[in-house]
Every structure is written in C-alpha cells, then in structure tokens.
Amino acid sequence: MRFLLALLAALSLGAAFAHTQVTAVTPRANAQVTAPKTVTLTFDEPINLRFATFKVVPLPAGADVEQTAAAALARRDDAALRADTAPALSGMAARVQLPLHAGLKPGAYLIVWRVVSDDGHPVSGHSVFWVQ
C-alpha cells in the first residue's frame, strides 16, 4: 500500500511539473508549400494567450535558426518585418491560428512561439517551412 501511495504521489507531481508542448504545427516542420493563408499551432493544454508570443518571420538564407528564433522573440515593433499580421490574442486556447500576409514570397519562414506553462515556466520553440 505504501508503494502505491508513493507511486500515485510521484505521478501527480510529474503531471504538475509537466511543461506545455506543441502537438502540431501547420504547415508542418520542413514542409514545402504554396503560400499558406494561416499558420496553426496546437498545444497539449490551453494556454493563456495574454502571456504568449507568436511570430512568423522570413528566415534569411544561411541564417542560424536558433539565433534567428531568439532574436525574433526578443524583437519589439517588428510588424513590418513579419509574415504574420500580428493579431491581438487574448483568452485561453489550445489552438492558435495566425493569419499571414497575402502572397508570401518564395523562401524559408520561421514560426516562433513563447508561452507560459500551467506550472509558470516559459516554453519556447520554433518550426521552419518553405514557400515554393
């Protein structure tokens, strides 16, 4: 019985310390697509959009993806550089859809996000797709 209680406690703590994860991105990672109208991110739990950042930016040829993602998340007043329309998001959602500007030029695009997990920890990530 003591073992069962310890196991249940460990499983409960593990769930409490789990971080939010992206379960799907559309366009999917490394996809080559015609210019999409939106980018969609799906999370494993609802997130507070007030404390989240989402951006879609062109990825210059030869650029380091990690450095470009970090710079995009840190940058402010970058609406003119972005491929998304910088929508104002609020509320809670497990799925986020970002409208894109019409007629994206061919090339690589970087989707970046930073959200706050239910346990209060920031979680960030990125994905790349190519427009043909």
N, C-alpha and C. Protein backbone atom coordinates (compact mmCIF):
# COMPACT_ATOMS: atom_id res chain seq x y z
N MET A 1 0.82 -1.19 0.00
CA MET A 1 0.00 0.00 0.00
C MET A 1 0.87 1.26 0.00
N ARG A 2 1.95 1.24 0.77
CA ARG A 2 2.85 2.39 0.83
C ARG A 2 3.46 2.66 -0.54
N PHE A 3 3.81 1.58 -1.26
CA PHE A 3 4.38 1.72 -2.60
C PHE A 3 3.36 2.38 -3.54
N LEU A 4 2.11 1.95 -3.45
CA LEU A 4 1.06 2.51 -4.31
C LEU A 4 0.86 4.00 -4.03
N LEU A 5 0.89 4.41 -2.77
CA LEU A 5 0.75 5.83 -2.44
C LEU A 5 1.93 6.63 -2.96
N ALA A 6 3.13 6.09 -2.85
CA ALA A 6 4.32 6.77 -3.35
C ALA A 6 4.25 6.92 -4.87
N LEU A 7 3.79 5.86 -5.53
CA LEU A 7 3.67 5.91 -6.99
C LEU A 7 2.63 6.95 -7.42
N LEU A 8 1.50 6.98 -6.75
CA LEU A 8 0.48 7.98 -7.08
C LEU A 8 0.98 9.40 -6.83
N ALA A 9 1.71 9.60 -5.75
CA ALA A 9 2.27 10.93 -5.46
C ALA A 9 3.27 11.33 -6.53
N ALA A 10 4.11 10.42 -6.96
CA ALA A 10 5.12 10.71 -7.99
C ALA A 10 4.43 11.05 -9.31
N LEU A 11 3.41 10.30 -9.68
CA LEU A 11 2.69 10.59 -10.92
C LEU A 11 2.00 11.94 -10.85
N SER A 12 1.43 12.28 -9.72
CA SER A 12 0.76 13.58 -9.56
C SER A 12 1.76 14.72 -9.68
N LEU A 13 2.92 14.57 -9.04
CA LEU A 13 3.94 15.62 -9.12
C LEU A 13 4.47 15.74 -10.53
N GLY A 14 4.65 14.61 -11.21
CA GLY A 14 5.13 14.64 -12.59
C GLY A 14 4.18 15.42 -13.47
N ALA A 15 2.89 15.22 -13.29
CA ALA A 15 1.91 15.95 -14.09
C ALA A 15 1.92 17.43 -13.74
N ALA A 16 2.13 17.74 -12.47
CA ALA A 16 2.14 19.14 -12.04
C ALA A 16 3.33 19.90 -12.60
N PHE A 17 4.42 19.20 -12.85
CA PHE A 17 5.63 19.87 -13.34
C PHE A 17 5.81 19.72 -14.85
N ALA A 18 4.84 19.15 -15.53
CA ALA A 18 4.94 18.99 -16.97
C ALA A 18 4.81 20.35 -17.65
N HIS A 19 5.56 20.52 -18.71
CA HIS A 19 5.52 21.77 -19.47
C HIS A 19 4.60 21.62 -20.67
N THR A 20 4.00 22.71 -21.05
CA THR A 20 3.15 22.75 -22.23
C THR A 20 3.97 22.37 -23.45
N GLN A 21 3.36 21.60 -24.33
CA GLN A 21 4.04 21.18 -25.55
C GLN A 21 3.18 21.47 -26.77
N VAL A 22 3.84 21.77 -27.86
CA VAL A 22 3.16 21.90 -29.14
C VAL A 22 2.97 20.48 -29.67
N THR A 23 1.74 20.14 -30.02
CA THR A 23 1.47 18.80 -30.55
C THR A 23 1.35 18.79 -32.07
N ALA A 24 1.12 19.95 -32.67
CA ALA A 24 1.02 20.02 -34.13
C ALA A 24 1.28 21.45 -34.60
N VAL A 25 1.92 21.55 -35.74
CA VAL A 25 2.16 22.84 -36.40
C VAL A 25 1.76 22.67 -37.86
N THR A 26 1.00 23.64 -38.38
CA THR A 26 0.62 23.62 -39.79
C THR A 26 0.97 24.97 -40.39
N PRO A 27 1.79 25.02 -41.44
CA PRO A 27 2.41 23.91 -42.16
C PRO A 27 3.40 23.16 -41.26
N ARG A 28 3.48 21.86 -41.49
CA ARG A 28 4.34 21.03 -40.65
C ARG A 28 5.82 21.39 -40.87
N ALA A 29 6.64 20.99 -39.93
CA ALA A 29 8.06 21.30 -39.97
C ALA A 29 8.69 20.82 -41.28
N ASN A 30 9.45 21.70 -41.91
CA ASN A 30 10.20 21.44 -43.13
C ASN A 30 9.33 21.19 -44.36
N ALA A 31 8.05 21.53 -44.27
CA ALA A 31 7.15 21.35 -45.42
C ALA A 31 7.45 22.38 -46.49
N GLN A 32 7.29 21.98 -47.75
CA GLN A 32 7.35 22.91 -48.87
C GLN A 32 5.91 23.08 -49.35
N VAL A 33 5.42 24.32 -49.28
CA VAL A 33 4.01 24.58 -49.55
C VAL A 33 3.86 25.79 -50.46
N THR A 34 2.69 25.91 -51.08
CA THR A 34 2.36 27.17 -51.74
C THR A 34 2.02 28.14 -50.61
N ALA A 35 2.04 29.41 -50.87
CA ALA A 35 1.86 30.42 -49.82
C ALA A 35 0.60 30.14 -49.00
N PRO A 36 0.75 29.76 -47.73
CA PRO A 36 -0.43 29.49 -46.90
C PRO A 36 -1.08 30.80 -46.46
N LYS A 37 -2.34 30.71 -46.05
CA LYS A 37 -3.05 31.88 -45.55
C LYS A 37 -2.92 32.01 -44.04
N THR A 38 -2.64 30.88 -43.38
CA THR A 38 -2.51 30.88 -41.91
C THR A 38 -1.45 29.88 -41.48
N VAL A 39 -1.00 30.08 -40.25
CA VAL A 39 -0.17 29.11 -39.53
C VAL A 39 -0.98 28.72 -38.31
N THR A 40 -0.99 27.42 -37.99
CA THR A 40 -1.76 26.95 -36.84
C THR A 40 -0.84 26.17 -35.91
N LEU A 41 -0.92 26.49 -34.62
CA LEU A 41 -0.19 25.74 -33.59
C LEU A 41 -1.22 25.12 -32.64
N THR A 42 -1.03 23.86 -32.33
CA THR A 42 -1.91 23.16 -31.40
C THR A 42 -1.08 22.73 -30.20
N PHE A 43 -1.58 23.01 -29.01
CA PHE A 43 -0.89 22.70 -27.76
C PHE A 43 -1.60 21.57 -27.03
N ASP A 44 -0.88 20.92 -26.12
CA ASP A 44 -1.46 19.81 -25.37
C ASP A 44 -2.36 20.26 -24.23
N GLU A 45 -2.45 21.56 -24.01
CA GLU A 45 -3.34 22.11 -22.98
C GLU A 45 -3.62 23.57 -23.34
N PRO A 46 -4.72 24.12 -22.87
CA PRO A 46 -4.98 25.54 -23.13
C PRO A 46 -3.91 26.42 -22.51
N ILE A 47 -3.54 27.46 -23.21
CA ILE A 47 -2.55 28.41 -22.73
C ILE A 47 -3.20 29.79 -22.61
N ASN A 48 -2.64 30.61 -21.75
CA ASN A 48 -3.11 31.98 -21.60
C ASN A 48 -2.45 32.82 -22.68
N LEU A 49 -3.22 33.25 -23.64
CA LEU A 49 -2.68 33.98 -24.79
C LEU A 49 -2.14 35.35 -24.41
N ARG A 50 -2.60 35.87 -23.29
CA ARG A 50 -2.11 37.18 -22.83
C ARG A 50 -0.60 37.15 -22.57
N PHE A 51 -0.09 36.00 -22.15
CA PHE A 51 1.33 35.87 -21.81
C PHE A 51 2.10 35.08 -22.86
N ALA A 52 1.57 35.03 -24.08
CA ALA A 52 2.20 34.26 -25.16
C ALA A 52 2.67 35.18 -26.27
N THR A 53 3.70 34.72 -26.98
CA THR A 53 4.21 35.44 -28.15
C THR A 53 4.27 34.46 -29.30
N PHE A 54 3.73 34.87 -30.45
CA PHE A 54 3.76 34.07 -31.67
C PHE A 54 4.18 34.99 -32.80
N LYS A 55 5.10 34.51 -33.64
CA LYS A 55 5.53 35.29 -34.80
C LYS A 55 5.88 34.35 -35.95
N VAL A 56 5.70 34.86 -37.16
CA VAL A 56 6.17 34.19 -38.36
C VAL A 56 7.03 35.21 -39.08
N VAL A 57 8.30 34.85 -39.30
CA VAL A 57 9.25 35.78 -39.91
C VAL A 57 10.00 35.08 -41.04
N PRO A 58 10.43 35.84 -42.05
CA PRO A 58 11.27 35.24 -43.09
C PRO A 58 12.59 34.77 -42.46
N LEU A 59 13.09 33.65 -42.96
CA LEU A 59 14.38 33.12 -42.49
C LEU A 59 15.39 33.33 -43.61
N PRO A 60 16.31 34.28 -43.44
CA PRO A 60 17.30 34.54 -44.49
C PRO A 60 18.14 33.30 -44.81
N ALA A 61 18.52 33.16 -46.06
CA ALA A 61 19.36 32.04 -46.48
C ALA A 61 20.64 32.02 -45.66
N GLY A 62 20.99 30.86 -45.16
CA GLY A 62 22.22 30.69 -44.39
C GLY A 62 22.13 31.15 -42.95
N ALA A 63 21.01 31.69 -42.52
CA ALA A 63 20.87 32.17 -41.14
C ALA A 63 20.77 30.99 -40.18
N ASP A 64 21.29 31.18 -38.98
CA ASP A 64 21.19 30.18 -37.93
C ASP A 64 19.76 30.22 -37.37
N VAL A 65 19.09 29.09 -37.39
CA VAL A 65 17.69 29.03 -36.98
C VAL A 65 17.54 29.40 -35.51
N GLU A 66 18.37 28.86 -34.64
CA GLU A 66 18.26 29.13 -33.20
C GLU A 66 18.46 30.61 -32.90
N GLN A 67 19.48 31.21 -33.51
CA GLN A 67 19.75 32.64 -33.27
C GLN A 67 18.64 33.52 -33.83
N THR A 68 18.14 33.16 -35.01
CA THR A 68 17.06 33.94 -35.61
C THR A 68 15.79 33.84 -34.78
N ALA A 69 15.51 32.64 -34.25
CA ALA A 69 14.32 32.46 -33.41
C ALA A 69 14.44 33.30 -32.14
N ALA A 70 15.59 33.26 -31.48
CA ALA A 70 15.79 34.04 -30.26
C ALA A 70 15.67 35.53 -30.53
N ALA A 71 16.24 35.98 -31.63
CA ALA A 71 16.17 37.41 -31.98
C ALA A 71 14.73 37.82 -32.30
N ALA A 72 13.99 36.97 -32.99
CA ALA A 72 12.60 37.29 -33.33
C ALA A 72 11.75 37.40 -32.07
N LEU A 73 11.96 36.52 -31.11
CA LEU A 73 11.19 36.58 -29.87
C LEU A 73 11.54 37.82 -29.05
N ALA A 74 12.78 38.27 -29.12
CA ALA A 74 13.22 39.43 -28.34
C ALA A 74 12.83 40.75 -28.99
N ARG A 75 12.64 40.75 -30.29
CA ARG A 75 12.40 41.98 -31.04
C ARG A 75 11.01 42.55 -30.75
N ARG A 76 10.92 43.87 -30.65
CA ARG A 76 9.65 44.58 -30.48
C ARG A 76 9.45 45.49 -31.69
N ASP A 77 8.26 45.95 -31.90
CA ASP A 77 7.96 46.86 -33.01
C ASP A 77 8.48 46.31 -34.34
N ASP A 78 8.18 45.05 -34.60
CA ASP A 78 8.70 44.40 -35.80
C ASP A 78 7.59 44.02 -36.79
N ALA A 79 6.44 44.63 -36.67
CA ALA A 79 5.29 44.27 -37.51
C ALA A 79 5.63 44.33 -39.00
N ALA A 80 6.43 45.29 -39.42
CA ALA A 80 6.77 45.43 -40.84
C ALA A 80 7.65 44.29 -41.34
N LEU A 81 8.36 43.62 -40.44
CA LEU A 81 9.26 42.54 -40.82
C LEU A 81 8.58 41.18 -40.83
N ARG A 82 7.42 41.10 -40.23
CA ARG A 82 6.77 39.82 -40.02
C ARG A 82 5.93 39.36 -41.20
N ALA A 83 5.80 38.04 -41.33
CA ALA A 83 4.95 37.45 -42.36
C ALA A 83 3.53 37.28 -41.85
N ASP A 84 3.35 37.26 -40.52
CA ASP A 84 2.00 37.19 -39.96
C ASP A 84 1.46 38.61 -39.77
N THR A 85 0.18 38.71 -39.51
CA THR A 85 -0.44 40.02 -39.38
C THR A 85 -0.44 40.54 -37.96
N ALA A 86 0.32 39.90 -37.07
CA ALA A 86 0.46 40.32 -35.66
C ALA A 86 -0.90 40.51 -35.00
N PRO A 87 -1.74 39.46 -35.00
CA PRO A 87 -3.07 39.61 -34.41
C PRO A 87 -2.99 39.78 -32.90
N ALA A 88 -3.94 40.51 -32.33
CA ALA A 88 -4.04 40.65 -30.88
C ALA A 88 -4.80 39.42 -30.36
N LEU A 89 -4.16 38.65 -29.51
CA LEU A 89 -4.76 37.43 -28.99
C LEU A 89 -5.03 37.56 -27.50
N SER A 90 -6.14 36.99 -27.05
CA SER A 90 -6.45 37.02 -25.62
C SER A 90 -7.25 35.77 -25.27
N GLY A 91 -7.42 35.55 -23.98
CA GLY A 91 -8.18 34.40 -23.52
C GLY A 91 -7.31 33.17 -23.38
N MET A 92 -7.96 32.03 -23.30
CA MET A 92 -7.28 30.74 -23.18
C MET A 92 -7.58 29.95 -24.46
N ALA A 93 -6.57 29.23 -24.96
CA ALA A 93 -6.79 28.42 -26.16
C ALA A 93 -5.72 27.33 -26.23
N ALA A 94 -6.10 26.20 -26.78
CA ALA A 94 -5.16 25.11 -27.04
C ALA A 94 -4.78 25.10 -28.52
N ARG A 95 -5.42 25.96 -29.31
CA ARG A 95 -5.12 26.06 -30.74
C ARG A 95 -5.05 27.53 -31.11
N VAL A 96 -3.98 27.90 -31.79
CA VAL A 96 -3.76 29.30 -32.18
C VAL A 96 -3.58 29.35 -33.69
N GLN A 97 -4.32 30.25 -34.32
CA GLN A 97 -4.22 30.43 -35.76
C GLN A 97 -3.72 31.84 -36.03
N LEU A 98 -2.62 31.94 -36.78
CA LEU A 98 -2.01 33.22 -37.12
C LEU A 98 -2.25 33.52 -38.60
N PRO A 99 -3.02 34.55 -38.92
CA PRO A 99 -3.21 34.93 -40.32
C PRO A 99 -1.88 35.44 -40.89
N LEU A 100 -1.61 35.09 -42.14
CA LEU A 100 -0.39 35.54 -42.82
C LEU A 100 -0.73 36.58 -43.87
N HIS A 101 0.26 37.41 -44.19
CA HIS A 101 0.08 38.39 -45.27
C HIS A 101 -0.12 37.63 -46.58
N ALA A 102 -0.89 38.19 -47.47
CA ALA A 102 -1.14 37.57 -48.77
C ALA A 102 0.13 37.58 -49.61
N GLY A 103 0.28 36.54 -50.41
CA GLY A 103 1.37 36.49 -51.39
C GLY A 103 2.76 36.42 -50.81
N LEU A 104 2.98 35.53 -49.84
CA LEU A 104 4.34 35.38 -49.30
C LEU A 104 5.30 35.01 -50.43
N LYS A 105 6.46 35.63 -50.42
CA LYS A 105 7.48 35.34 -51.43
C LYS A 105 8.08 33.97 -51.18
N PRO A 106 8.58 33.32 -52.23
CA PRO A 106 9.24 32.03 -52.04
C PRO A 106 10.43 32.16 -51.08
N GLY A 107 10.62 31.15 -50.29
CA GLY A 107 11.73 31.14 -49.35
C GLY A 107 11.33 30.46 -48.05
N ALA A 108 12.26 30.49 -47.09
CA ALA A 108 12.04 29.85 -45.79
C ALA A 108 11.38 30.83 -44.82
N TYR A 109 10.50 30.29 -43.99
CA TYR A 109 9.82 31.08 -42.97
C TYR A 109 9.93 30.36 -41.63
N LEU A 110 10.11 31.15 -40.60
CA LEU A 110 10.32 30.64 -39.25
C LEU A 110 9.12 30.99 -38.39
N ILE A 111 8.52 29.98 -37.81
CA ILE A 111 7.43 30.17 -36.84
C ILE A 111 8.07 30.09 -35.46
N VAL A 112 7.88 31.10 -34.63
CA VAL A 112 8.44 31.09 -33.27
C VAL A 112 7.31 31.32 -32.27
N TRP A 113 7.48 30.72 -31.09
CA TRP A 113 6.49 30.91 -30.03
C TRP A 113 7.15 30.85 -28.67
N ARG A 114 6.53 31.57 -27.75
CA ARG A 114 6.90 31.50 -26.33
C ARG A 114 5.58 31.58 -25.57
N VAL A 115 5.35 30.59 -24.71
CA VAL A 115 4.14 30.53 -23.91
C VAL A 115 4.55 30.25 -22.46
N VAL A 116 3.62 30.44 -21.56
CA VAL A 116 3.85 30.13 -20.16
C VAL A 116 3.05 28.87 -19.83
N SER A 117 3.76 27.84 -19.37
CA SER A 117 3.11 26.59 -18.99
C SER A 117 2.21 26.80 -17.78
N ASP A 118 1.35 25.85 -17.56
CA ASP A 118 0.45 25.88 -16.42
C ASP A 118 1.22 25.97 -15.11
N ASP A 119 2.46 25.44 -15.10
CA ASP A 119 3.27 25.49 -13.88
C ASP A 119 4.07 26.78 -13.77
N GLY A 120 3.88 27.71 -14.72
CA GLY A 120 4.53 29.01 -14.65
C GLY A 120 5.85 29.12 -15.40
N HIS A 121 6.34 28.04 -15.96
CA HIS A 121 7.61 28.09 -16.68
C HIS A 121 7.41 28.50 -18.14
N PRO A 122 8.28 29.38 -18.65
CA PRO A 122 8.19 29.74 -20.07
C PRO A 122 8.68 28.59 -20.94
N VAL A 123 7.98 28.39 -22.05
CA VAL A 123 8.34 27.35 -23.01
C VAL A 123 8.39 28.01 -24.38
N SER A 124 9.49 27.83 -25.10
CA SER A 124 9.58 28.41 -26.43
C SER A 124 9.97 27.34 -27.43
N GLY A 125 9.70 27.65 -28.68
CA GLY A 125 10.05 26.71 -29.74
C GLY A 125 9.95 27.37 -31.09
N HIS A 126 10.27 26.61 -32.11
CA HIS A 126 10.21 27.13 -33.46
C HIS A 126 10.02 26.00 -34.46
N SER A 127 9.63 26.38 -35.66
CA SER A 127 9.45 25.45 -36.76
C SER A 127 9.70 26.22 -38.05
N VAL A 128 10.21 25.53 -39.06
CA VAL A 128 10.52 26.17 -40.35
C VAL A 128 9.67 25.52 -41.44
N PHE A 129 9.16 26.34 -42.35
CA PHE A 129 8.53 25.82 -43.57
C PHE A 129 9.01 26.65 -44.74
N TRP A 130 8.84 26.10 -45.94
CA TRP A 130 9.29 26.79 -47.16
C TRP A 130 8.12 27.06 -48.07
N VAL A 131 8.07 28.28 -48.60
CA VAL A 131 7.08 28.64 -49.61
C VAL A 131 7.74 28.47 -50.96
N GLN A 132 7.04 27.76 -51.86
CA GLN A 132 7.57 27.49 -53.20
C GLN A 132 7.34 28.66 -54.13
